[in-house]
Amino acid sequence: MDIQTEKLQLMKMLLETEDKSILKQLKAVFDSRTKSDIWDEWDDEVRKDVEEAIAELDRGEGIPHAVVMQEFSKWRKK
């Protein structure tokens, strides 16, 4: 069976199901693939920067969202 036929069969099953747990599981599969795919697409420098940012947040060196938004609001009014 070719891939297009398989896709069509899956779409048919998806459209016919009323089982929310199946939909939730399928969505989780796509969500997890998307996250890992994005990470794999980034070059080493971007990955290093993201890892460094996460480490800074883990050390408490981040700026809370509310503070950033407050500063942005002040800047925008100028």
Protein backbone atom coordinates (compact mmCIF):
# COMPACT_ATOMS: atom_id res chain seq x y z
CA MET A 1 0.00 0.00 0.00
CA ASP A 2 1.40 3.41 -0.92
CA ILE A 3 1.65 6.32 1.50
CA GLN A 4 -1.18 8.33 -0.06
CA THR A 5 -3.59 5.43 0.38
CA GLU A 6 -2.51 5.03 4.01
CA LYS A 7 -3.02 8.75 4.63
CA LEU A 8 -6.51 8.60 3.15
CA GLN A 9 -7.40 5.60 5.31
CA LEU A 10 -6.12 7.38 8.42
CA MET A 11 -8.06 10.53 7.53
CA LYS A 12 -11.22 8.47 7.12
CA MET A 13 -10.72 6.81 10.52
CA LEU A 14 -9.98 10.19 12.10
CA LEU A 15 -13.11 11.78 10.67
CA GLU A 16 -15.29 8.87 11.74
CA THR A 17 -14.07 8.52 15.33
CA GLU A 18 -15.90 10.05 18.27
CA ASP A 19 -13.28 8.83 20.73
CA LYS A 20 -11.66 11.93 22.22
CA SER A 21 -8.82 9.90 23.71
CA ILE A 22 -7.73 8.82 20.22
CA LEU A 23 -7.77 12.44 19.06
CA LYS A 24 -5.80 13.50 22.13
CA GLN A 25 -3.20 10.76 21.58
CA LEU A 26 -2.85 11.59 17.91
CA LYS A 27 -2.41 15.28 18.70
CA ALA A 28 0.25 14.39 21.29
CA VAL A 29 2.16 12.39 18.66
CA PHE A 30 2.19 15.34 16.27
CA ASP A 31 3.03 17.85 19.02
CA SER A 32 6.00 15.80 20.24
CA ARG A 33 7.29 15.31 16.69
CA THR A 34 7.03 19.02 15.99
CA LYS A 35 9.04 19.94 19.07
CA SER A 36 11.84 17.49 18.34
CA ASP A 37 11.84 18.36 14.64
CA ILE A 38 12.32 22.05 15.43
CA TRP A 39 15.23 21.30 17.76
CA ASP A 40 16.85 19.12 15.10
CA GLU A 41 16.53 21.88 12.49
CA TRP A 42 18.44 24.43 14.57
CA ASP A 43 22.17 24.74 14.10
CA ASP A 44 24.59 24.15 16.97
CA GLU A 45 24.91 27.85 17.80
CA VAL A 46 21.16 28.31 18.24
CA ARG A 47 20.91 25.14 20.36
CA LYS A 48 23.79 26.40 22.52
CA ASP A 49 22.03 29.76 22.99
CA VAL A 50 18.77 28.07 23.98
CA GLU A 51 20.54 25.76 26.42
CA GLU A 52 22.36 28.76 27.92
CA ALA A 53 19.08 30.65 28.32
CA ILE A 54 17.48 27.66 30.05
CA ALA A 55 20.47 27.40 32.41
CA GLU A 56 20.15 31.12 33.24
CA LEU A 57 16.47 30.66 34.04
CA ASP A 58 17.29 27.63 36.20
CA ARG A 59 19.73 29.83 38.16
CA GLY A 60 17.02 32.45 38.69
CA GLU A 61 18.64 34.96 36.35
CA GLY A 62 15.57 35.48 34.19
CA ILE A 63 13.28 38.50 34.13
CA PRO A 64 9.64 37.76 35.00
CA HIS A 65 7.18 38.22 32.16
CA ALA A 66 5.19 40.82 34.12
CA VAL A 67 8.31 42.98 34.54
CA VAL A 68 9.16 42.74 30.84
CA MET A 69 5.61 43.69 29.88
CA GLN A 70 5.65 46.65 32.28
CA GLU A 71 8.92 47.92 30.80
CA PHE A 72 7.67 47.36 27.27
CA SER A 73 4.52 49.31 28.06
CA LYS A 74 6.60 52.27 29.29
CA TRP A 75 8.82 52.10 26.21
CA ARG A 76 5.84 51.94 23.87
CA LYS A 77 4.26 55.08 25.36
CA LYS A 78 7.34 57.19 24.55
